[in-house]
């Protein structure tokens, strides 16, 4: 049989990546490009097209490939409705594919982390999201509503909670604490209010604010009870959302795989221990934590293959693993 090719794209605020695989599970190439804005934002369509053109050219060496299927997992997009249609219109002519699927970046994160196995992913990066897929292929999610309406378990939410706490102490007349001094030093300012002003003025974006979280984690390990409570509260929110998603899906038995994704989990036991403890105390399910196997872009390529209607041939995942290893090193 002649080889067929499948395209997976992971597009988001931190950058865009694409992966091309063939029908045997061998990786043809991987490409990357800059971040994409919301497709409905001014200039959003053009930036999306440019990012995809750059990433695909990097993966194919500029060769024009006819894809059997392509799966686009994009930040801020949901399947169906005007957003999906706008994406389809924006990418028309950028690449050629028999089947095109468009969905959010959460589903490709699940596909990569669990290699399409039933289970749940818990994302605690700049923002936060919980997404699960059961044995019937049904998907449910919780959170992921952005920094104004959710994301309490993400780095931005944790950092804002800590800054708020220090601002409150300053309002009460307390002298600057050691933590305040660490925070202002991290941002290269002299006063806490300069951070607030900088955020509203656009000098500090959400990623910059969230970048404070590793500093906070180190301070918490050094004995800051207030910060330990902030991390514990964030972990509790995420654990509750994992259980919410689990209860809305249908599982074979009570055992469920879940995979942690995102930089907040690099805080280690400070975050993971209260999360796991909360799950054990509130849930009737037996959750087993497993590390993510692949990044989201691999999940996008796997979903392109799966949704094309083909069954995975023998040895497919093994060949994928072998050809991905040198790219990951």
C-alpha atoms as a PDB file:
ATOM      1  CA  UNK A   1       0.000   0.000   0.000  1.00  0.00           C
ATOM      2  CA  UNK A   2       1.229   3.492  -0.811  1.00  0.00           C
ATOM      3  CA  UNK A   3       2.196   5.516   2.238  1.00  0.00           C
ATOM      4  CA  UNK A   4      -0.224   8.094   3.562  1.00  0.00           C
ATOM      5  CA  UNK A   5       0.734  11.141   5.597  1.00  0.00           C
ATOM      6  CA  UNK A   6      -0.874  12.725   8.632  1.00  0.00           C
ATOM      7  CA  UNK A   7      -0.423  16.217  10.046  1.00  0.00           C
ATOM      8  CA  UNK A   8      -0.785  17.301  13.661  1.00  0.00           C
ATOM      9  CA  UNK A   9      -0.595  20.946  14.728  1.00  0.00           C
ATOM     10  CA  UNK A  10      -0.390  22.405  18.225  1.00  0.00           C
ATOM     11  CA  UNK A  11      -0.998  26.147  18.076  1.00  0.00           C
ATOM     12  CA  UNK A  12      -1.003  28.413  21.099  1.00  0.00           C
ATOM     13  CA  UNK A  13       0.208  31.474  22.932  1.00  0.00           C
ATOM     14  CA  UNK A  14       3.618  29.980  23.670  1.00  0.00           C
ATOM     15  CA  UNK A  15       4.328  28.952  20.081  1.00  0.00           C
ATOM     16  CA  UNK A  16       3.203  26.597  17.345  1.00  0.00           C
ATOM     17  CA  UNK A  17       4.458  23.109  16.474  1.00  0.00           C
ATOM     18  CA  UNK A  18       3.582  20.592  13.817  1.00  0.00           C
ATOM     19  CA  UNK A  19       4.364  16.924  13.320  1.00  0.00           C
ATOM     20  CA  UNK A  20       4.097  14.864  10.153  1.00  0.00           C
ATOM     21  CA  UNK A  21       3.877  11.064  10.444  1.00  0.00           C
ATOM     22  CA  UNK A  22       3.342   8.377   7.854  1.00  0.00           C
ATOM     23  CA  UNK A  23       0.870   5.495   7.892  1.00  0.00           C
ATOM     24  CA  UNK A  24       3.420   3.176   9.473  1.00  0.00           C
ATOM     25  CA  UNK A  25       4.033   5.374  12.519  1.00  0.00           C
ATOM     26  CA  UNK A  26       7.366   6.850  11.422  1.00  0.00           C
ATOM     27  CA  UNK A  27       7.902  10.556  11.983  1.00  0.00           C
ATOM     28  CA  UNK A  28       8.627  12.403   8.745  1.00  0.00           C
ATOM     29  CA  UNK A  29       9.488  15.686  10.404  1.00  0.00           C
ATOM     30  CA  UNK A  30       8.691  18.255  13.060  1.00  0.00           C
ATOM     31  CA  UNK A  31       8.465  22.006  12.610  1.00  0.00           C
ATOM     32  CA  UNK A  32       7.853  25.012  14.812  1.00  0.00           C
ATOM     33  CA  UNK A  33       6.860  28.647  14.524  1.00  0.00           C
ATOM     34  CA  UNK A  34       5.846  31.585  16.676  1.00  0.00           C
ATOM     35  CA  UNK A  35       2.743  31.961  18.794  1.00  0.00           C
ATOM     36  CA  UNK A  36      -0.686  32.485  17.305  1.00  0.00           C
ATOM     37  CA  UNK A  37      -3.264  34.981  18.513  1.00  0.00           C
ATOM     38  CA  UNK A  38      -6.962  34.298  18.768  1.00  0.00           C
ATOM     39  CA  UNK A  39      -8.166  33.711  15.229  1.00  0.00           C
ATOM     40  CA  UNK A  40     -10.848  36.421  15.586  1.00  0.00           C
ATOM     41  CA  UNK A  41      -8.398  39.030  16.902  1.00  0.00           C
ATOM     42  CA  UNK A  42      -7.215  41.749  14.501  1.00  0.00           C
ATOM     43  CA  UNK A  43      -4.670  40.091  12.206  1.00  0.00           C
ATOM     44  CA  UNK A  44      -5.368  36.699  13.805  1.00  0.00           C
ATOM     45  CA  UNK A  45      -6.063  34.871  10.558  1.00  0.00           C
ATOM     46  CA  UNK A  46      -2.913  36.141   8.898  1.00  0.00           C
ATOM     47  CA  UNK A  47      -0.690  35.230  11.847  1.00  0.00           C
ATOM     48  CA  UNK A  48      -2.240  31.768  12.002  1.00  0.00           C
ATOM     49  CA  UNK A  49      -1.571  31.184   8.307  1.00  0.00           C
ATOM     50  CA  UNK A  50       2.012  32.433   8.570  1.00  0.00           C
ATOM     51  CA  UNK A  51       2.740  30.295  11.637  1.00  0.00           C
ATOM     52  CA  UNK A  52       1.358  27.165   9.985  1.00  0.00           C
ATOM     53  CA  UNK A  53       3.238  27.796   6.743  1.00  0.00           C
ATOM     54  CA  UNK A  54       6.502  28.180   8.659  1.00  0.00           C
ATOM     55  CA  UNK A  55       5.957  25.124  10.876  1.00  0.00           C
ATOM     56  CA  UNK A  56       4.873  22.836   8.033  1.00  0.00           C
ATOM     57  CA  UNK A  57       7.779  23.923   5.835  1.00  0.00           C
ATOM     58  CA  UNK A  58      10.126  23.055   8.709  1.00  0.00           C
ATOM     59  CA  UNK A  59       8.600  19.584   9.036  1.00  0.00           C
ATOM     60  CA  UNK A  60       8.530  18.752   5.312  1.00  0.00           C
ATOM     61  CA  UNK A  61      11.657  20.550   4.152  1.00  0.00           C
ATOM     62  CA  UNK A  62       9.451  22.641   1.897  1.00  0.00           C
ATOM     63  CA  UNK A  63       8.103  19.611   0.036  1.00  0.00           C
ATOM     64  CA  UNK A  64       4.405  19.776  -0.859  1.00  0.00           C
ATOM     65  CA  UNK A  65       2.642  16.821   0.764  1.00  0.00           C
ATOM     66  CA  UNK A  66      -0.939  15.710   0.293  1.00  0.00           C
ATOM     67  CA  UNK A  67      -2.153  14.677   3.748  1.00  0.00           C
ATOM     68  CA  UNK A  68      -4.689  11.969   4.388  1.00  0.00           C
ATOM     69  CA  UNK A  69      -5.836  13.819   7.516  1.00  0.00           C
ATOM     70  CA  UNK A  70      -4.844  16.822   9.626  1.00  0.00           C
ATOM     71  CA  UNK A  71      -5.800  17.634  13.202  1.00  0.00           C
ATOM     72  CA  UNK A  72      -5.402  21.192  14.492  1.00  0.00           C
ATOM     73  CA  UNK A  73      -5.428  21.683  18.269  1.00  0.00           C
ATOM     74  CA  UNK A  74      -5.582  25.410  18.891  1.00  0.00           C
ATOM     75  CA  UNK A  75      -5.730  27.573  21.989  1.00  0.00           C
ATOM     76  CA  UNK A  76      -9.077  29.335  22.378  1.00  0.00           C
ATOM     77  CA  UNK A  77     -10.879  27.231  19.753  1.00  0.00           C
ATOM     78  CA  UNK A  78     -13.747  24.781  20.194  1.00  0.00           C
ATOM     79  CA  UNK A  79     -15.099  22.321  17.676  1.00  0.00           C
ATOM     80  CA  UNK A  80     -18.190  23.485  15.855  1.00  0.00           C
ATOM     81  CA  UNK A  81     -19.554  26.955  15.267  1.00  0.00           C
ATOM     82  CA  UNK A  82     -17.948  30.088  13.925  1.00  0.00           C
ATOM     83  CA  UNK A  83     -14.514  29.594  15.472  1.00  0.00           C
ATOM     84  CA  UNK A  84     -13.916  26.285  13.729  1.00  0.00           C
ATOM     85  CA  UNK A  85     -15.259  27.668  10.459  1.00  0.00           C
ATOM     86  CA  UNK A  86     -12.996  30.704  10.696  1.00  0.00           C
ATOM     87  CA  UNK A  87      -9.958  28.473  11.248  1.00  0.00           C
ATOM     88  CA  UNK A  88     -10.925  26.321   8.264  1.00  0.00           C
ATOM     89  CA  UNK A  89     -11.204  29.418   6.091  1.00  0.00           C
ATOM     90  CA  UNK A  90      -7.895  30.795   7.380  1.00  0.00           C
ATOM     91  CA  UNK A  91      -5.896  27.644   6.576  1.00  0.00           C
ATOM     92  CA  UNK A  92      -7.468  27.001   3.176  1.00  0.00           C
ATOM     93  CA  UNK A  93      -4.602  26.691   0.720  1.00  0.00           C
ATOM     94  CA  UNK A  94      -1.890  26.538   3.385  1.00  0.00           C
ATOM     95  CA  UNK A  95      -1.836  22.731   3.130  1.00  0.00           C
ATOM     96  CA  UNK A  96      -3.896  20.092   1.371  1.00  0.00           C
ATOM     97  CA  UNK A  97      -5.660  17.320   3.240  1.00  0.00           C
ATOM     98  CA  UNK A  98      -8.471  14.871   2.604  1.00  0.00           C
ATOM     99  CA  UNK A  99      -9.839  15.237   6.143  1.00  0.00           C
ATOM    100  CA  UNK A 100      -9.458  18.281   8.412  1.00  0.00           C
ATOM    101  CA  UNK A 101     -10.319  18.290  12.117  1.00  0.00           C
ATOM    102  CA  UNK A 102     -10.235  21.369  14.359  1.00  0.00           C
ATOM    103  CA  UNK A 103     -10.539  21.404  18.149  1.00  0.00           C
ATOM    104  CA  UNK A 104      -8.993  22.903  21.285  1.00  0.00           C
ATOM    105  CA  UNK A 105      -5.482  22.308  22.558  1.00  0.00           C
ATOM    106  CA  UNK A 106      -6.747  20.372  25.581  1.00  0.00           C
ATOM    107  CA  UNK A 107      -7.804  17.359  23.524  1.00  0.00           C
ATOM    108  CA  UNK A 108      -4.390  17.068  21.847  1.00  0.00           C
ATOM    109  CA  UNK A 109      -2.697  17.351  25.243  1.00  0.00           C
ATOM    110  CA  UNK A 110      -4.767  14.331  26.340  1.00  0.00           C
ATOM    111  CA  UNK A 111      -3.956  12.488  23.113  1.00  0.00           C
ATOM    112  CA  UNK A 112      -0.227  12.976  23.606  1.00  0.00           C
ATOM    113  CA  UNK A 113      -0.040  12.428  27.351  1.00  0.00           C
ATOM    114  CA  UNK A 114      -2.053   9.195  27.365  1.00  0.00           C
ATOM    115  CA  UNK A 115      -1.515   8.032  23.745  1.00  0.00           C
ATOM    116  CA  UNK A 116      -5.291   8.147  23.200  1.00  0.00           C
ATOM    117  CA  UNK A 117      -5.949   5.863  26.186  1.00  0.00           C
ATOM    118  CA  UNK A 118      -8.992   6.555  28.362  1.00  0.00           C
ATOM    119  CA  UNK A 119      -8.073   8.825  31.243  1.00  0.00           C
ATOM    120  CA  UNK A 120      -7.787  12.371  32.495  1.00  0.00           C
ATOM    121  CA  UNK A 121      -5.225  15.121  32.064  1.00  0.00           C
ATOM    122  CA  UNK A 122      -4.791  17.924  34.577  1.00  0.00           C
ATOM    123  CA  UNK A 123      -3.064  20.970  33.119  1.00  0.00           C
ATOM    124  CA  UNK A 124      -1.508  23.503  35.477  1.00  0.00           C
ATOM    125  CA  UNK A 125       0.590  25.745  33.275  1.00  0.00           C
ATOM    126  CA  UNK A 126       0.005  29.470  32.883  1.00  0.00           C
ATOM    127  CA  UNK A 127      -3.670  28.578  33.181  1.00  0.00           C
ATOM    128  CA  UNK A 128      -5.396  25.370  34.200  1.00  0.00           C
ATOM    129  CA  UNK A 129      -7.721  22.804  32.653  1.00  0.00           C
ATOM    130  CA  UNK A 130      -8.949  19.285  33.371  1.00  0.00           C
ATOM    131  CA  UNK A 131     -10.069  17.094  30.483  1.00  0.00           C
ATOM    132  CA  UNK A 132     -11.058  13.443  30.409  1.00  0.00           C
ATOM    133  CA  UNK A 133     -12.006  10.883  27.766  1.00  0.00           C
ATOM    134  CA  UNK A 134     -13.672   7.614  28.760  1.00  0.00           C
ATOM    135  CA  UNK A 135     -13.748   4.149  27.168  1.00  0.00           C
ATOM    136  CA  UNK A 136     -16.637   5.184  24.910  1.00  0.00           C
ATOM    137  CA  UNK A 137     -14.688   8.151  23.571  1.00  0.00           C
ATOM    138  CA  UNK A 138     -16.868  10.696  25.356  1.00  0.00           C
ATOM    139  CA  UNK A 139     -15.071  13.831  26.522  1.00  0.00           C
ATOM    140  CA  UNK A 140     -15.758  16.105  29.483  1.00  0.00           C
ATOM    141  CA  UNK A 141     -13.810  19.069  30.820  1.00  0.00           C
ATOM    142  CA  UNK A 142     -13.689  21.473  33.723  1.00  0.00           C
ATOM    143  CA  UNK A 143     -12.088  24.917  34.064  1.00  0.00           C
ATOM    144  CA  UNK A 144      -9.921  26.395  31.339  1.00  0.00           C
ATOM    145  CA  UNK A 145     -12.071  29.526  31.398  1.00  0.00           C
ATOM    146  CA  UNK A 146      -9.184  31.976  31.257  1.00  0.00           C
ATOM    147  CA  UNK A 147      -7.531  34.188  33.822  1.00  0.00           C
ATOM    148  CA  UNK A 148     -10.629  36.273  34.609  1.00  0.00           C
ATOM    149  CA  UNK A 149     -13.115  33.448  35.102  1.00  0.00           C
ATOM    150  CA  UNK A 150     -10.983  30.540  36.315  1.00  0.00           C
ATOM    151  CA  UNK A 151      -7.450  29.166  36.046  1.00  0.00           C
ATOM    152  CA  UNK A 152      -6.998  29.296  39.834  1.00  0.00           C
ATOM    153  CA  UNK A 153      -4.675  26.293  39.703  1.00  0.00           C
ATOM    154  CA  UNK A 154      -2.401  27.818  37.071  1.00  0.00           C
ATOM    155  CA  UNK A 155       0.817  29.746  37.579  1.00  0.00           C
ATOM    156  CA  UNK A 156      -0.859  33.095  36.932  1.00  0.00           C
ATOM    157  CA  UNK A 157      -3.543  32.434  39.533  1.00  0.00           C
ATOM    158  CA  UNK A 158      -0.994  31.322  42.119  1.00  0.00           C
ATOM    159  CA  UNK A 159       1.221  34.349  41.489  1.00  0.00           C
ATOM    160  CA  UNK A 160      -1.706  36.781  41.671  1.00  0.00           C
ATOM    161  CA  UNK A 161      -2.827  35.258  44.996  1.00  0.00           C
ATOM    162  CA  UNK A 162       0.646  35.788  46.438  1.00  0.00           C
ATOM    163  CA  UNK A 163       0.941  39.365  45.160  1.00  0.00           C
ATOM    164  CA  UNK A 164      -2.530  40.163  46.496  1.00  0.00           C
ATOM    165  CA  UNK A 165      -1.506  38.874  49.900  1.00  0.00           C
ATOM    166  CA  UNK A 166       1.553  41.109  50.010  1.00  0.00           C
ATOM    167  CA  UNK A 167      -0.447  44.128  48.791  1.00  0.00           C
ATOM    168  CA  UNK A 168      -2.975  43.500  51.558  1.00  0.00           C
ATOM    169  CA  UNK A 169      -0.205  43.490  54.176  1.00  0.00           C
ATOM    170  CA  UNK A 170       1.158  46.752  52.752  1.00  0.00           C
ATOM    171  CA  UNK A 171      -2.329  48.306  52.943  1.00  0.00           C
ATOM    172  CA  UNK A 172      -2.499  47.264  56.600  1.00  0.00           C
ATOM    173  CA  UNK A 173       0.723  49.148  57.295  1.00  0.00           C
ATOM    174  CA  UNK A 174       3.166  46.259  57.648  1.00  0.00           C
ATOM    175  CA  UNK A 175       6.745  46.900  56.508  1.00  0.00           C
ATOM    176  CA  UNK A 176       7.893  45.063  53.358  1.00  0.00           C
ATOM    177  CA  UNK A 177       8.462  41.402  54.080  1.00  0.00           C
ATOM    178  CA  UNK A 178      11.255  39.204  52.755  1.00  0.00           C
ATOM    179  CA  UNK A 179       8.750  37.802  50.264  1.00  0.00           C
ATOM    180  CA  UNK A 180       7.850  41.292  49.046  1.00  0.00           C
ATOM    181  CA  UNK A 181      11.532  41.961  48.449  1.00  0.00           C
ATOM    182  CA  UNK A 182      11.848  38.720  46.460  1.00  0.00           C
ATOM    183  CA  UNK A 183       8.799  39.565  44.370  1.00  0.00           C
ATOM    184  CA  UNK A 184       9.886  43.089  43.437  1.00  0.00           C
ATOM    185  CA  UNK A 185      13.419  41.844  42.718  1.00  0.00           C
ATOM    186  CA  UNK A 186      12.005  39.204  40.367  1.00  0.00           C
ATOM    187  CA  UNK A 187      10.179  41.859  38.353  1.00  0.00           C
ATOM    188  CA  UNK A 188      12.997  44.400  38.519  1.00  0.00           C
ATOM    189  CA  UNK A 189      10.877  47.061  40.251  1.00  0.00           C
ATOM    190  CA  UNK A 190      11.074  48.814  43.612  1.00  0.00           C
ATOM    191  CA  UNK A 191       7.467  48.734  44.814  1.00  0.00           C
ATOM    192  CA  UNK A 192       4.634  46.217  44.591  1.00  0.00           C
ATOM    193  CA  UNK A 193       2.305  48.735  42.982  1.00  0.00           C
ATOM    194  CA  UNK A 194       4.662  48.953  40.004  1.00  0.00           C
ATOM    195  CA  UNK A 195       3.826  45.318  39.199  1.00  0.00           C
ATOM    196  CA  UNK A 196       0.110  46.110  39.206  1.00  0.00           C
ATOM    197  CA  UNK A 197       0.621  49.186  37.052  1.00  0.00           C
ATOM    198  CA  UNK A 198       2.890  47.239  34.703  1.00  0.00           C
ATOM    199  CA  UNK A 199       0.274  44.524  34.200  1.00  0.00           C
ATOM    200  CA  UNK A 200      -2.536  46.946  33.449  1.00  0.00           C
ATOM    201  CA  UNK A 201      -0.252  48.930  31.137  1.00  0.00           C
ATOM    202  CA  UNK A 202       0.716  45.783  29.249  1.00  0.00           C
ATOM    203  CA  UNK A 203       4.379  45.838  30.317  1.00  0.00           C
ATOM    204  CA  UNK A 204       3.935  42.517  32.165  1.00  0.00           C
ATOM    205  CA  UNK A 205       1.814  39.880  30.453  1.00  0.00           C
ATOM    206  CA  UNK A 206       0.235  36.836  32.104  1.00  0.00           C
ATOM    207  CA  UNK A 207       3.235  34.670  31.307  1.00  0.00           C
ATOM    208  CA  UNK A 208       5.531  37.165  33.035  1.00  0.00           C
ATOM    209  CA  UNK A 209       3.317  37.245  36.134  1.00  0.00           C
ATOM    210  CA  UNK A 210       3.059  33.450  36.143  1.00  0.00           C
ATOM    211  CA  UNK A 211       6.846  33.238  35.912  1.00  0.00           C
ATOM    212  CA  UNK A 212       6.939  34.282  39.567  1.00  0.00           C
ATOM    213  CA  UNK A 213       5.586  30.881  40.643  1.00  0.00           C
ATOM    214  CA  UNK A 214       8.961  29.049  40.881  1.00  0.00           C
ATOM    215  CA  UNK A 215      10.187  31.854  43.179  1.00  0.00           C
ATOM    216  CA  UNK A 216       7.095  31.384  45.319  1.00  0.00           C
ATOM    217  CA  UNK A 217       7.578  27.617  45.403  1.00  0.00           C
ATOM    218  CA  UNK A 218      11.147  28.048  46.689  1.00  0.00           C
ATOM    219  CA  UNK A 219       9.955  30.486  49.353  1.00  0.00           C
ATOM    220  CA  UNK A 220       7.185  28.086  50.402  1.00  0.00           C
ATOM    221  CA  UNK A 221       9.709  25.273  50.853  1.00  0.00           C
ATOM    222  CA  UNK A 222      11.732  27.591  53.055  1.00  0.00           C
ATOM    223  CA  UNK A 223       8.861  27.808  55.508  1.00  0.00           C
ATOM    224  CA  UNK A 224       6.337  30.389  54.298  1.00  0.00           C
ATOM    225  CA  UNK A 225       3.053  29.115  55.674  1.00  0.00           C
ATOM    226  CA  UNK A 226       1.004  31.606  53.662  1.00  0.00           C
ATOM    227  CA  UNK A 227       2.552  30.435  50.398  1.00  0.00           C
ATOM    228  CA  UNK A 228       2.141  26.776  51.289  1.00  0.00           C
ATOM    229  CA  UNK A 229      -1.546  27.483  51.781  1.00  0.00           C
ATOM    230  CA  UNK A 230      -1.788  29.161  48.360  1.00  0.00           C
ATOM    231  CA  UNK A 231      -0.252  26.113  46.669  1.00  0.00           C
ATOM    232  CA  UNK A 232      -2.485  23.817  48.715  1.00  0.00           C
ATOM    233  CA  UNK A 233      -5.590  25.806  47.742  1.00  0.00           C
ATOM    234  CA  UNK A 234      -4.639  25.667  44.051  1.00  0.00           C
ATOM    235  CA  UNK A 235      -4.021  21.915  44.271  1.00  0.00           C
ATOM    236  CA  UNK A 236      -7.384  21.440  45.986  1.00  0.00           C
ATOM    237  CA  UNK A 237      -9.171  23.277  43.172  1.00  0.00           C
ATOM    238  CA  UNK A 238      -7.505  21.069  40.562  1.00  0.00           C
ATOM    239  CA  UNK A 239      -8.233  17.864  42.498  1.00  0.00           C
ATOM    240  CA  UNK A 240     -11.908  18.796  42.812  1.00  0.00           C
ATOM    241  CA  UNK A 241     -12.049  19.425  39.058  1.00  0.00           C
ATOM    242  CA  UNK A 242     -10.435  16.039  38.323  1.00  0.00           C
ATOM    243  CA  UNK A 243     -13.116  14.348  40.422  1.00  0.00           C
ATOM    244  CA  UNK A 244     -15.876  16.412  38.757  1.00  0.00           C
ATOM    245  CA  UNK A 245     -14.756  15.257  35.317  1.00  0.00           C
ATOM    246  CA  UNK A 246     -14.378  11.644  36.461  1.00  0.00           C
ATOM    247  CA  UNK A 247     -17.922  11.574  37.819  1.00  0.00           C
ATOM    248  CA  UNK A 248     -19.398  12.849  34.544  1.00  0.00           C
ATOM    249  CA  UNK A 249     -17.802  10.091  32.471  1.00  0.00           C
ATOM    250  CA  UNK A 250     -18.294   6.318  32.212  1.00  0.00           C
ATOM    251  CA  UNK A 251     -15.399   4.071  33.272  1.00  0.00           C
ATOM    252  CA  UNK A 252     -14.724   0.355  33.263  1.00  0.00           C
ATOM    253  CA  UNK A 253     -14.198  -0.171  36.972  1.00  0.00           C
ATOM    254  CA  UNK A 254     -13.018   2.436  39.455  1.00  0.00           C
ATOM    255  CA  UNK A 255      -9.390   2.787  38.299  1.00  0.00           C
ATOM    256  CA  UNK A 256      -8.578   5.876  36.219  1.00  0.00           C
ATOM    257  CA  UNK A 257      -5.280   7.026  34.734  1.00  0.00           C
ATOM    258  CA  UNK A 258      -4.490  10.707  35.097  1.00  0.00           C
ATOM    259  CA  UNK A 259      -1.512  12.652  33.841  1.00  0.00           C
ATOM    260  CA  UNK A 260      -0.092  15.948  35.181  1.00  0.00           C
ATOM    261  CA  UNK A 261       0.886  18.563  32.593  1.00  0.00           C
ATOM    262  CA  UNK A 262       2.379  22.033  33.036  1.00  0.00           C
ATOM    263  CA  UNK A 263       5.037  23.971  34.872  1.00  0.00           C
ATOM    264  CA  UNK A 264       3.219  24.221  38.213  1.00  0.00           C
ATOM    265  CA  UNK A 265       3.795  20.495  38.689  1.00  0.00           C
ATOM    266  CA  UNK A 266       7.531  21.244  38.775  1.00  0.00           C
ATOM    267  CA  UNK A 267       6.810  22.555  42.267  1.00  0.00           C
ATOM    268  CA  UNK A 268       6.882  18.881  43.232  1.00  0.00           C
ATOM    269  CA  UNK A 269       5.308  17.619  46.439  1.00  0.00           C
ATOM    270  CA  UNK A 270       4.370  21.168  47.387  1.00  0.00           C
ATOM    271  CA  UNK A 271       1.607  20.908  44.787  1.00  0.00           C
ATOM    272  CA  UNK A 272       1.260  17.204  43.989  1.00  0.00           C
ATOM    273  CA  UNK A 273       1.005  15.915  47.557  1.00  0.00           C
ATOM    274  CA  UNK A 274      -2.059  17.969  48.572  1.00  0.00           C
ATOM    275  CA  UNK A 275      -3.638  17.248  45.168  1.00  0.00           C
ATOM    276  CA  UNK A 276      -3.278  13.477  45.538  1.00  0.00           C
ATOM    277  CA  UNK A 277      -4.346  13.671  49.168  1.00  0.00           C
ATOM    278  CA  UNK A 278      -7.471  15.593  48.252  1.00  0.00           C
ATOM    279  CA  UNK A 279      -8.384  13.061  45.561  1.00  0.00           C
ATOM    280  CA  UNK A 280      -8.058  10.202  48.042  1.00  0.00           C
ATOM    281  CA  UNK A 281     -10.245  12.001  50.572  1.00  0.00           C
ATOM    282  CA  UNK A 282     -13.128  13.029  48.296  1.00  0.00           C
ATOM    283  CA  UNK A 283     -13.309  10.557  45.410  1.00  0.00           C
ATOM    284  CA  UNK A 284     -14.652   7.050  45.039  1.00  0.00           C
ATOM    285  CA  UNK A 285     -12.271   6.459  42.119  1.00  0.00           C
ATOM    286  CA  UNK A 286      -8.811   4.956  42.295  1.00  0.00           C
ATOM    287  CA  UNK A 287      -6.621   7.474  40.447  1.00  0.00           C
ATOM    288  CA  UNK A 288      -3.245   6.366  39.116  1.00  0.00           C
ATOM    289  CA  UNK A 289      -0.856   9.168  38.158  1.00  0.00           C
ATOM    290  CA  UNK A 290       1.282   8.542  35.066  1.00  0.00           C
ATOM    291  CA  UNK A 291       3.765  10.953  33.444  1.00  0.00           C
ATOM    292  CA  UNK A 292       2.747  12.336  30.044  1.00  0.00           C
ATOM    293  CA  UNK A 293       4.142  10.098  27.303  1.00  0.00           C
ATOM    294  CA  UNK A 294       4.245  12.657  24.497  1.00  0.00           C
ATOM    295  CA  UNK A 295       3.739  16.401  24.022  1.00  0.00           C
ATOM    296  CA  UNK A 296       0.464  17.697  22.567  1.00  0.00           C
ATOM    297  CA  UNK A 297       1.736  17.891  18.972  1.00  0.00           C
ATOM    298  CA  UNK A 298       2.113  14.094  18.945  1.00  0.00           C
ATOM    299  CA  UNK A 299      -1.418  13.829  20.272  1.00  0.00           C
ATOM    300  CA  UNK A 300      -2.592  15.941  17.333  1.00  0.00           C
ATOM    301  CA  UNK A 301      -0.918  13.615  14.832  1.00  0.00           C
ATOM    302  CA  UNK A 302      -2.357  10.528  16.567  1.00  0.00           C
ATOM    303  CA  UNK A 303      -5.831  12.061  16.490  1.00  0.00           C
ATOM    304  CA  UNK A 304      -5.447  12.854  12.781  1.00  0.00           C
ATOM    305  CA  UNK A 305      -4.678   9.179  12.159  1.00  0.00           C
ATOM    306  CA  UNK A 306      -7.458   7.885  14.396  1.00  0.00           C
ATOM    307  CA  UNK A 307     -10.141  10.203  13.031  1.00  0.00           C
ATOM    308  CA  UNK A 308      -9.246   9.350   9.450  1.00  0.00           C
ATOM    309  CA  UNK A 309     -10.927   6.015  10.136  1.00  0.00           C
ATOM    310  CA  UNK A 310      -7.841   3.815   9.921  1.00  0.00           C
ATOM    311  CA  UNK A 311      -6.974   1.237  12.552  1.00  0.00           C
ATOM    312  CA  UNK A 312      -3.473   1.517  13.981  1.00  0.00           C
ATOM    313  CA  UNK A 313      -1.345  -1.199  12.328  1.00  0.00           C
ATOM    314  CA  UNK A 314       0.794  -3.576  14.365  1.00  0.00           C
ATOM    315  CA  UNK A 315       3.929  -1.890  15.668  1.00  0.00           C
ATOM    316  CA  UNK A 316       2.648   1.627  14.914  1.00  0.00           C
ATOM    317  CA  UNK A 317       3.140   3.080  18.412  1.00  0.00           C
ATOM    318  CA  UNK A 318       6.491   1.332  18.797  1.00  0.00           C
ATOM    319  CA  UNK A 319       7.806   2.898  15.581  1.00  0.00           C
ATOM    320  CA  UNK A 320       6.421   6.264  16.644  1.00  0.00           C
ATOM    321  CA  UNK A 321       8.222   5.969  19.967  1.00  0.00           C
ATOM    322  CA  UNK A 322      11.514   5.060  18.316  1.00  0.00           C
ATOM    323  CA  UNK A 323      11.381   7.861  15.752  1.00  0.00           C
ATOM    324  CA  UNK A 324      10.280  10.441  18.329  1.00  0.00           C
ATOM    325  CA  UNK A 325      13.064   9.665  20.802  1.00  0.00           C
ATOM    326  CA  UNK A 326      15.874  11.503  18.929  1.00  0.00           C
ATOM    327  CA  UNK A 327      13.593  14.537  18.475  1.00  0.00           C
ATOM    328  CA  UNK A 328      12.914  14.665  22.214  1.00  0.00           C
ATOM    329  CA  UNK A 329      16.596  14.351  23.241  1.00  0.00           C
END
